[in-house]
Amino acid sequence: MNFLRYYVRFLNPENNGIFEEELEKIKGGSTVTMGIEELLLDRAKNEGKVEGKAEGERIKALEMAKTFKKLGIAIADISKGTGLSVKEIEAL
């Protein structure tokens, strides 16, 4: 990202300030020096990890709900415990 600061300059100094602010937004306060492609790939990778974790937690909740439903636990209680909707649990 630092290379952009060396090669990109605007005639209007106000635009330079805006450019610097936008670079900081993209970097997200990171002090790690990397190219913009690397930064965007790293961000996408981290977003993928978060999404994958959320999906894993959802699958775990569905499996628990199935088990609880088989045990005869009230659907409303299963919903409270797993965070799944009553409709989702009834569909299992």
PDB file of N, CA and C in Angstrom:
ATOM      1  N   MET A   1       0.820  -1.187   0.000  1.00  0.00           N
ATOM      2  CA  MET A   1       0.000   0.000   0.000  1.00  0.00           C
ATOM      3  C   MET A   1       0.868   1.257   0.000  1.00  0.00           C
ATOM      4  N   ASN A   2       2.028   1.166   0.609  1.00  0.00           N
ATOM      5  CA  ASN A   2       2.865   2.360   0.669  1.00  0.00           C
ATOM      6  C   ASN A   2       3.280   2.846  -0.712  1.00  0.00           C
ATOM      7  N   PHE A   3       3.406   1.921  -1.669  1.00  0.00           N
ATOM      8  CA  PHE A   3       3.807   2.338  -3.007  1.00  0.00           C
ATOM      9  C   PHE A   3       2.790   3.309  -3.594  1.00  0.00           C
ATOM     10  N   LEU A   4       1.516   3.152  -3.236  1.00  0.00           N
ATOM     11  CA  LEU A   4       0.500   4.069  -3.741  1.00  0.00           C
ATOM     12  C   LEU A   4       0.756   5.491  -3.267  1.00  0.00           C
ATOM     13  N   ARG A   5       1.219   5.616  -2.039  1.00  0.00           N
ATOM     14  CA  ARG A   5       1.497   6.950  -1.497  1.00  0.00           C
ATOM     15  C   ARG A   5       2.640   7.631  -2.249  1.00  0.00           C
ATOM     16  N   TYR A   6       3.580   6.853  -2.760  1.00  0.00           N
ATOM     17  CA  TYR A   6       4.713   7.429  -3.477  1.00  0.00           C
ATOM     18  C   TYR A   6       4.367   7.795  -4.916  1.00  0.00           C
ATOM     19  N   TYR A   7       3.454   7.055  -5.528  1.00  0.00           N
ATOM     20  CA  TYR A   7       3.185   7.247  -6.943  1.00  0.00           C
ATOM     21  C   TYR A   7       1.905   8.009  -7.246  1.00  0.00           C
ATOM     22  N   VAL A   8       1.030   8.124  -6.295  1.00  0.00           N
ATOM     23  CA  VAL A   8      -0.235   8.798  -6.561  1.00  0.00           C
ATOM     24  C   VAL A   8      -0.247  10.127  -5.825  1.00  0.00           C
ATOM     25  N   ARG A   9      -0.318  11.189  -6.589  1.00  0.00           N
ATOM     26  CA  ARG A   9      -0.436  12.541  -6.032  1.00  0.00           C
ATOM     27  C   ARG A   9      -1.445  13.298  -6.883  1.00  0.00           C
ATOM     28  N   PHE A  10      -2.221  14.126  -6.224  1.00  0.00           N
ATOM     29  CA  PHE A  10      -3.244  14.907  -6.900  1.00  0.00           C
ATOM     30  C   PHE A  10      -2.842  16.370  -6.902  1.00  0.00           C
ATOM     31  N   LEU A  11      -3.298  17.090  -7.907  1.00  0.00           N
ATOM     32  CA  LEU A  11      -2.976  18.516  -7.970  1.00  0.00           C
ATOM     33  C   LEU A  11      -3.629  19.267  -6.816  1.00  0.00           C
ATOM     34  N   ASN A  12      -4.819  18.862  -6.479  1.00  0.00           N
ATOM     35  CA  ASN A  12      -5.542  19.497  -5.385  1.00  0.00           C
ATOM     36  C   ASN A  12      -5.142  18.810  -4.076  1.00  0.00           C
ATOM     37  N   PRO A  13      -4.499  19.538  -3.157  1.00  0.00           N
ATOM     38  CA  PRO A  13      -4.058  18.939  -1.891  1.00  0.00           C
ATOM     39  C   PRO A  13      -5.210  18.310  -1.093  1.00  0.00           C
ATOM     40  N   GLU A  14      -6.387  18.841  -1.241  1.00  0.00           N
ATOM     41  CA  GLU A  14      -7.545  18.290  -0.537  1.00  0.00           C
ATOM     42  C   GLU A  14      -7.802  16.851  -0.989  1.00  0.00           C
ATOM     43  N   ASN A  15      -7.608  16.581  -2.279  1.00  0.00           N
ATOM     44  CA  ASN A  15      -7.790  15.225  -2.801  1.00  0.00           C
ATOM     45  C   ASN A  15      -6.746  14.267  -2.237  1.00  0.00           C
ATOM     46  N   ASN A  16      -5.533  14.763  -1.979  1.00  0.00           N
ATOM     47  CA  ASN A  16      -4.509  13.920  -1.350  1.00  0.00           C
ATOM     48  C   ASN A  16      -4.970  13.467   0.033  1.00  0.00           C
ATOM     49  N   GLY A  17      -5.575  14.373   0.769  1.00  0.00           N
ATOM     50  CA  GLY A  17      -6.090  14.022   2.092  1.00  0.00           C
ATOM     51  C   GLY A  17      -7.191  12.977   2.015  1.00  0.00           C
ATOM     52  N   ILE A  18      -8.079  13.144   1.062  1.00  0.00           N
ATOM     53  CA  ILE A  18      -9.167  12.179   0.866  1.00  0.00           C
ATOM     54  C   ILE A  18      -8.585  10.823   0.493  1.00  0.00           C
ATOM     55  N   PHE A  19      -7.582  10.826  -0.389  1.00  0.00           N
ATOM     56  CA  PHE A  19      -6.924   9.592  -0.808  1.00  0.00           C
ATOM     57  C   PHE A  19      -6.302   8.865   0.387  1.00  0.00           C
ATOM     58  N   GLU A  20      -5.609   9.612   1.238  1.00  0.00           N
ATOM     59  CA  GLU A  20      -4.988   9.024   2.429  1.00  0.00           C
ATOM     60  C   GLU A  20      -6.042   8.422   3.358  1.00  0.00           C
ATOM     61  N   GLU A  21      -7.158   9.134   3.539  1.00  0.00           N
ATOM     62  CA  GLU A  21      -8.238   8.627   4.391  1.00  0.00           C
ATOM     63  C   GLU A  21      -8.807   7.321   3.839  1.00  0.00           C
ATOM     64  N   GLU A  22      -9.006   7.269   2.527  1.00  0.00           N
ATOM     65  CA  GLU A  22      -9.551   6.063   1.904  1.00  0.00           C
ATOM     66  C   GLU A  22      -8.577   4.892   2.029  1.00  0.00           C
ATOM     67  N   LEU A  23      -7.285   5.154   1.884  1.00  0.00           N
ATOM     68  CA  LEU A  23      -6.294   4.095   2.070  1.00  0.00           C
ATOM     69  C   LEU A  23      -6.355   3.547   3.493  1.00  0.00           C
ATOM     70  N   GLU A  24      -6.504   4.425   4.461  1.00  0.00           N
ATOM     71  CA  GLU A  24      -6.593   3.977   5.856  1.00  0.00           C
ATOM     72  C   GLU A  24      -7.846   3.132   6.076  1.00  0.00           C
ATOM     73  N   LYS A  25      -8.957   3.506   5.444  1.00  0.00           N
ATOM     74  CA  LYS A  25     -10.181   2.706   5.560  1.00  0.00           C
ATOM     75  C   LYS A  25      -9.960   1.317   4.998  1.00  0.00           C
ATOM     76  N   ILE A  26      -9.309   1.239   3.847  1.00  0.00           N
ATOM     77  CA  ILE A  26      -9.058  -0.055   3.210  1.00  0.00           C
ATOM     78  C   ILE A  26      -8.142  -0.903   4.086  1.00  0.00           C
ATOM     79  N   LYS A  27      -7.097  -0.277   4.610  1.00  0.00           N
ATOM     80  CA  LYS A  27      -6.144  -1.006   5.457  1.00  0.00           C
ATOM     81  C   LYS A  27      -6.765  -1.424   6.766  1.00  0.00           C
ATOM     82  N   GLY A  28      -7.774  -0.720   7.235  1.00  0.00           N
ATOM     83  CA  GLY A  28      -8.414  -1.051   8.497  1.00  0.00           C
ATOM     84  C   GLY A  28      -7.490  -0.876   9.687  1.00  0.00           C
ATOM     85  N   GLY A  29      -6.564   0.058   9.615  1.00  0.00           N
ATOM     86  CA  GLY A  29      -5.662   0.314  10.723  1.00  0.00           C
ATOM     87  C   GLY A  29      -4.493  -0.652  10.799  1.00  0.00           C
ATOM     88  N   SER A  30      -4.383  -1.543   9.829  1.00  0.00           N
ATOM     89  CA  SER A  30      -3.306  -2.522   9.838  1.00  0.00           C
ATOM     90  C   SER A  30      -1.968  -1.831   9.619  1.00  0.00           C
ATOM     91  N   THR A  31      -0.970  -2.247  10.368  1.00  0.00           N
ATOM     92  CA  THR A  31       0.368  -1.691  10.194  1.00  0.00           C
ATOM     93  C   THR A  31       1.220  -2.571   9.280  1.00  0.00           C
ATOM     94  N   VAL A  32       0.650  -3.689   8.861  1.00  0.00           N
ATOM     95  CA  VAL A  32       1.372  -4.604   7.985  1.00  0.00           C
ATOM     96  C   VAL A  32       1.422  -4.006   6.586  1.00  0.00           C
ATOM     97  N   THR A  33       2.619  -3.960   6.014  1.00  0.00           N
ATOM     98  CA  THR A  33       2.770  -3.430   4.677  1.00  0.00           C
ATOM     99  C   THR A  33       2.566  -4.555   3.677  1.00  0.00           C
ATOM    100  N   MET A  34       1.568  -4.375   2.813  1.00  0.00           N
ATOM    101  CA  MET A  34       1.319  -5.361   1.764  1.00  0.00           C
ATOM    102  C   MET A  34       0.679  -4.649   0.590  1.00  0.00           C
ATOM    103  N   GLY A  35       0.705  -5.314  -0.542  1.00  0.00           N
ATOM    104  CA  GLY A  35       0.071  -4.755  -1.724  1.00  0.00           C
ATOM    105  C   GLY A  35      -1.434  -4.818  -1.594  1.00  0.00           C
ATOM    106  N   ILE A  36      -2.104  -4.046  -2.422  1.00  0.00           N
ATOM    107  CA  ILE A  36      -3.555  -3.988  -2.330  1.00  0.00           C
ATOM    108  C   ILE A  36      -4.184  -5.345  -2.651  1.00  0.00           C
ATOM    109  N   GLU A  37      -3.607  -6.076  -3.611  1.00  0.00           N
ATOM    110  CA  GLU A  37      -4.133  -7.410  -3.927  1.00  0.00           C
ATOM    111  C   GLU A  37      -4.006  -8.330  -2.716  1.00  0.00           C
ATOM    112  N   GLU A  38      -2.841  -8.283  -2.083  1.00  0.00           N
ATOM    113  CA  GLU A  38      -2.628  -9.119  -0.896  1.00  0.00           C
ATOM    114  C   GLU A  38      -3.594  -8.737   0.215  1.00  0.00           C
ATOM    115  N   LEU A  39      -3.795  -7.438   0.387  1.00  0.00           N
ATOM    116  CA  LEU A  39      -4.704  -6.965   1.419  1.00  0.00           C
ATOM    117  C   LEU A  39      -6.126  -7.461   1.164  1.00  0.00           C
ATOM    118  N   LEU A  40      -6.591  -7.334  -0.074  1.00  0.00           N
ATOM    119  CA  LEU A  40      -7.948  -7.753  -0.412  1.00  0.00           C
ATOM    120  C   LEU A  40      -8.109  -9.269  -0.305  1.00  0.00           C
ATOM    121  N   LEU A  41      -7.090 -10.014  -0.725  1.00  0.00           N
ATOM    122  CA  LEU A  41      -7.142 -11.466  -0.586  1.00  0.00           C
ATOM    123  C   LEU A  41      -7.160 -11.877   0.885  1.00  0.00           C
ATOM    124  N   ASP A  42      -6.357 -11.195   1.685  1.00  0.00           N
ATOM    125  CA  ASP A  42      -6.327 -11.487   3.117  1.00  0.00           C
ATOM    126  C   ASP A  42      -7.674 -11.191   3.748  1.00  0.00           C
ATOM    127  N   ARG A  43      -8.277 -10.079   3.361  1.00  0.00           N
ATOM    128  CA  ARG A  43      -9.595  -9.716   3.889  1.00  0.00           C
ATOM    129  C   ARG A  43     -10.638 -10.751   3.486  1.00  0.00           C
ATOM    130  N   ALA A  44     -10.615 -11.176   2.222  1.00  0.00           N
ATOM    131  CA  ALA A  44     -11.570 -12.184   1.748  1.00  0.00           C
ATOM    132  C   ALA A  44     -11.374 -13.509   2.487  1.00  0.00           C
ATOM    133  N   LYS A  45     -10.118 -13.865   2.711  1.00  0.00           N
ATOM    134  CA  LYS A  45      -9.819 -15.102   3.443  1.00  0.00           C
ATOM    135  C   LYS A  45     -10.389 -15.041   4.854  1.00  0.00           C
ATOM    136  N   ASN A  46     -10.204 -13.917   5.521  1.00  0.00           N
ATOM    137  CA  ASN A  46     -10.724 -13.768   6.880  1.00  0.00           C
ATOM    138  C   ASN A  46     -12.248 -13.781   6.908  1.00  0.00           C
ATOM    139  N   GLU A  47     -12.876 -13.153   5.907  1.00  0.00           N
ATOM    140  CA  GLU A  47     -14.337 -13.178   5.821  1.00  0.00           C
ATOM    141  C   GLU A  47     -14.828 -14.604   5.592  1.00  0.00           C
ATOM    142  N   GLY A  48     -14.105 -15.346   4.779  1.00  0.00           N
ATOM    143  CA  GLY A  48     -14.455 -16.746   4.531  1.00  0.00           C
ATOM    144  C   GLY A  48     -14.367 -17.580   5.800  1.00  0.00           C
ATOM    145  N   LYS A  49     -13.366 -17.301   6.620  1.00  0.00           N
ATOM    146  CA  LYS A  49     -13.229 -18.023   7.888  1.00  0.00           C
ATOM    147  C   LYS A  49     -14.421 -17.733   8.796  1.00  0.00           C
ATOM    148  N   VAL A  50     -14.822 -16.483   8.856  1.00  0.00           N
ATOM    149  CA  VAL A  50     -15.954 -16.099   9.703  1.00  0.00           C
ATOM    150  C   VAL A  50     -17.228 -16.768   9.205  1.00  0.00           C
ATOM    151  N   GLU A  51     -17.438 -16.735   7.883  1.00  0.00           N
ATOM    152  CA  GLU A  51     -18.626 -17.368   7.308  1.00  0.00           C
ATOM    153  C   GLU A  51     -18.614 -18.875   7.534  1.00  0.00           C
ATOM    154  N   GLY A  52     -17.453 -19.490   7.387  1.00  0.00           N
ATOM    155  CA  GLY A  52     -17.321 -20.926   7.596  1.00  0.00           C
ATOM    156  C   GLY A  52     -17.611 -21.305   9.043  1.00  0.00           C
ATOM    157  N   LYS A  53     -17.130 -20.495   9.951  1.00  0.00           N
ATOM    158  CA  LYS A  53     -17.375 -20.751  11.371  1.00  0.00           C
ATOM    159  C   LYS A  53     -18.866 -20.637  11.682  1.00  0.00           C
ATOM    160  N   ALA A  54     -19.511 -19.618  11.126  1.00  0.00           N
ATOM    161  CA  ALA A  54     -20.946 -19.430  11.356  1.00  0.00           C
ATOM    162  C   ALA A  54     -21.735 -20.609  10.789  1.00  0.00           C
ATOM    163  N   GLU A  55     -21.341 -21.080   9.621  1.00  0.00           N
ATOM    164  CA  GLU A  55     -22.031 -22.223   9.011  1.00  0.00           C
ATOM    165  C   GLU A  55     -21.819 -23.481   9.849  1.00  0.00           C
ATOM    166  N   GLY A  56     -20.623 -23.659  10.361  1.00  0.00           N
ATOM    167  CA  GLY A  56     -20.340 -24.803  11.230  1.00  0.00           C
ATOM    168  C   GLY A  56     -21.183 -24.779  12.493  1.00  0.00           C
ATOM    169  N   GLU A  57     -21.334 -23.594  13.063  1.00  0.00           N
ATOM    170  CA  GLU A  57     -22.156 -23.461  14.263  1.00  0.00           C
ATOM    171  C   GLU A  57     -23.623 -23.760  13.950  1.00  0.00           C
ATOM    172  N   ARG A  58     -24.075 -23.349  12.780  1.00  0.00           N
ATOM    173  CA  ARG A  58     -25.461 -23.612  12.382  1.00  0.00           C
ATOM    174  C   ARG A  58     -25.693 -25.118  12.206  1.00  0.00           C
ATOM    175  N   ILE A  59     -24.760 -25.792  11.575  1.00  0.00           N
ATOM    176  CA  ILE A  59     -24.875 -27.243  11.385  1.00  0.00           C
ATOM    177  C   ILE A  59     -24.901 -27.943  12.741  1.00  0.00           C
ATOM    178  N   LYS A  60     -24.069 -27.486  13.650  1.00  0.00           N
ATOM    179  CA  LYS A  60     -24.035 -28.066  14.991  1.00  0.00           C
ATOM    180  C   LYS A  60     -25.384 -27.861  15.693  1.00  0.00           C
ATOM    181  N   ALA A  61     -25.957 -26.667  15.560  1.00  0.00           N
ATOM    182  CA  ALA A  61     -27.258 -26.383  16.171  1.00  0.00           C
ATOM    183  C   ALA A  61     -28.345 -27.269  15.577  1.00  0.00           C
ATOM    184  N   LEU A  62     -28.288 -27.485  14.257  1.00  0.00           N
ATOM    185  CA  LEU A  62     -29.281 -28.347  13.606  1.00  0.00           C
ATOM    186  C   LEU A  62     -29.173 -29.787  14.109  1.00  0.00           C
ATOM    187  N   GLU A  63     -27.952 -30.264  14.259  1.00  0.00           N
ATOM    188  CA  GLU A  63     -27.745 -31.625  14.749  1.00  0.00           C
ATOM    189  C   GLU A  63     -28.245 -31.773  16.182  1.00  0.00           C
ATOM    190  N   MET A  64     -27.961 -30.772  17.015  1.00  0.00           N
ATOM    191  CA  MET A  64     -28.444 -30.816  18.392  1.00  0.00           C
ATOM    192  C   MET A  64     -29.971 -30.790  18.419  1.00  0.00           C
ATOM    193  N   ALA A  65     -30.574 -29.958  17.576  1.00  0.00           N
ATOM    194  CA  ALA A  65     -32.028 -29.849  17.542  1.00  0.00           C
ATOM    195  C   ALA A  65     -32.658 -31.182  17.141  1.00  0.00           C
ATOM    196  N   LYS A  66     -32.055 -31.859  16.162  1.00  0.00           N
ATOM    197  CA  LYS A  66     -32.564 -33.180  15.761  1.00  0.00           C
ATOM    198  C   LYS A  66     -32.549 -34.148  16.937  1.00  0.00           C
ATOM    199  N   THR A  67     -31.434 -34.150  17.638  1.00  0.00           N
ATOM    200  CA  THR A  67     -31.290 -35.050  18.789  1.00  0.00           C
ATOM    201  C   THR A  67     -32.313 -34.714  19.863  1.00  0.00           C
ATOM    202  N   PHE A  68     -32.443 -33.446  20.194  1.00  0.00           N
ATOM    203  CA  PHE A  68     -33.392 -33.040  21.227  1.00  0.00           C
ATOM    204  C   PHE A  68     -34.833 -33.351  20.821  1.00  0.00           C
ATOM    205  N   LYS A  69     -35.122 -33.174  19.537  1.00  0.00           N
ATOM    206  CA  LYS A  69     -36.477 -33.454  19.045  1.00  0.00           C
ATOM    207  C   LYS A  69     -36.791 -34.941  19.210  1.00  0.00           C
ATOM    208  N   LYS A  70     -35.805 -35.794  18.894  1.00  0.00           N
ATOM    209  CA  LYS A  70     -35.989 -37.241  19.057  1.00  0.00           C
ATOM    210  C   LYS A  70     -36.194 -37.613  20.521  1.00  0.00           C
ATOM    211  N   LEU A  71     -35.590 -36.852  21.417  1.00  0.00           N
ATOM    212  CA  LEU A  71     -35.724 -37.111  22.847  1.00  0.00           C
ATOM    213  C   LEU A  71     -37.055 -36.600  23.410  1.00  0.00           C
ATOM    214  N   GLY A  72     -37.815 -35.906  22.563  1.00  0.00           N
ATOM    215  CA  GLY A  72     -39.124 -35.426  22.990  1.00  0.00           C
ATOM    216  C   GLY A  72     -39.106 -34.102  23.726  1.00  0.00           C
ATOM    217  N   ILE A  73     -38.038 -33.366  23.608  1.00  0.00           N
ATOM    218  CA  ILE A  73     -37.968 -32.046  24.251  1.00  0.00           C
ATOM    219  C   ILE A  73     -38.858 -31.087  23.462  1.00  0.00           C
ATOM    220  N   ALA A  74     -39.540 -30.214  24.172  1.00  0.00           N
ATOM    221  CA  ALA A  74     -40.465 -29.260  23.545  1.00  0.00           C
ATOM    222  C   ALA A  74     -39.737 -28.404  22.515  1.00  0.00           C
ATOM    223  N   ILE A  75     -40.385 -28.210  21.380  1.00  0.00           N
ATOM    224  CA  ILE A  75     -39.785 -27.448  20.272  1.00  0.00           C
ATOM    225  C   ILE A  75     -39.446 -26.024  20.706  1.00  0.00           C
ATOM    226  N   ALA A  76     -40.293 -25.419  21.507  1.00  0.00           N
ATOM    227  CA  ALA A  76     -40.022 -24.059  21.988  1.00  0.00           C
ATOM    228  C   ALA A  76     -38.728 -24.020  22.810  1.00  0.00           C
ATOM    229  N   ASP A  77     -38.516 -25.055  23.619  1.00  0.00           N
ATOM    230  CA  ASP A  77     -37.286 -25.117  24.425  1.00  0.00           C
ATOM    231  C   ASP A  77     -36.065 -25.351  23.541  1.00  0.00           C
ATOM    232  N   ILE A  78     -36.226 -26.189  22.529  1.00  0.00           N
ATOM    233  CA  ILE A  78     -35.119 -26.434  21.592  1.00  0.00           C
ATOM    234  C   ILE A  78     -34.760 -25.134  20.883  1.00  0.00           C
ATOM    235  N   SER A  79     -35.782 -24.394  20.496  1.00  0.00           N
ATOM    236  CA  SER A  79     -35.570 -23.120  19.810  1.00  0.00           C
ATOM    237  C   SER A  79     -34.786 -22.155  20.687  1.00  0.00           C
ATOM    238  N   LYS A  80     -35.174 -22.067  21.952  1.00  0.00           N
ATOM    239  CA  LYS A  80     -34.466 -21.176  22.890  1.00  0.00           C
ATOM    240  C   LYS A  80     -33.012 -21.602  23.054  1.00  0.00           C
ATOM    241  N   GLY A  81     -32.787 -22.890  23.142  1.00  0.00           N
ATOM    242  CA  GLY A  81     -31.433 -23.388  23.391  1.00  0.00           C
ATOM    243  C   GLY A  81     -30.501 -23.333  22.194  1.00  0.00           C
ATOM    244  N   THR A  82     -31.061 -23.479  20.999  1.00  0.00           N
ATOM    245  CA  THR A  82     -30.213 -23.538  19.812  1.00  0.00           C
ATOM    246  C   THR A  82     -30.198 -22.245  19.004  1.00  0.00           C
ATOM    247  N   GLY A  83     -31.203 -21.414  19.214  1.00  0.00           N
ATOM    248  CA  GLY A  83     -31.292 -20.178  18.417  1.00  0.00           C
ATOM    249  C   GLY A  83     -31.960 -20.399  17.074  1.00  0.00           C
ATOM    250  N   LEU A  84     -32.391 -21.621  16.815  1.00  0.00           N
ATOM    251  CA  LEU A  84     -33.099 -21.917  15.563  1.00  0.00           C
ATOM    252  C   LEU A  84     -34.564 -21.532  15.726  1.00  0.00           C
ATOM    253  N   SER A  85     -35.222 -21.275  14.595  1.00  0.00           N
ATOM    254  CA  SER A  85     -36.633 -20.942  14.652  1.00  0.00           C
ATOM    255  C   SER A  85     -37.460 -22.211  14.846  1.00  0.00           C
ATOM    256  N   VAL A  86     -38.669 -22.019  15.330  1.00  0.00           N
ATOM    257  CA  VAL A  86     -39.592 -23.143  15.522  1.00  0.00           C
ATOM    258  C   VAL A  86     -39.845 -23.832  14.190  1.00  0.00           C
ATOM    259  N   LYS A  87     -40.004 -23.057  13.127  1.00  0.00           N
ATOM    260  CA  LYS A  87     -40.224 -23.628  11.782  1.00  0.00           C
ATOM    261  C   LYS A  87     -39.070 -24.516  11.345  1.00  0.00           C
ATOM    262  N   GLU A  88     -37.856 -24.052  11.597  1.00  0.00           N
ATOM    263  CA  GLU A  88     -36.678 -24.841  11.232  1.00  0.00           C
ATOM    264  C   GLU A  88     -36.668 -26.173  11.973  1.00  0.00           C
ATOM    265  N   ILE A  89     -36.999 -26.122  13.237  1.00  0.00           N
ATOM    266  CA  ILE A  89     -36.985 -27.335  14.060  1.00  0.00           C
ATOM    267  C   ILE A  89     -38.110 -28.278  13.640  1.00  0.00           C
ATOM    268  N   GLU A  90     -39.278 -27.734  13.356  1.00  0.00           N
ATOM    269  CA  GLU A  90     -40.397 -28.572  12.930  1.00  0.00           C
ATOM    270  C   GLU A  90     -40.086 -29.273  11.607  1.00  0.00           C
ATOM    271  N   ALA A  91     -39.274 -28.630  10.766  1.00  0.00           N
ATOM    272  CA  ALA A  91     -38.938 -29.204   9.454  1.00  0.00           C
ATOM    273  C   ALA A  91     -37.923 -30.341   9.554  1.00  0.00           C
ATOM    274  N   LEU A  92     -37.314 -30.502  10.698  1.00  0.00           N
ATOM    275  CA  LEU A  92     -36.291 -31.547  10.851  1.00  0.00           C
ATOM    276  C   LEU A  92     -36.922 -32.928  10.903  1.00  0.00           C
TER     277      LEU A  92
END
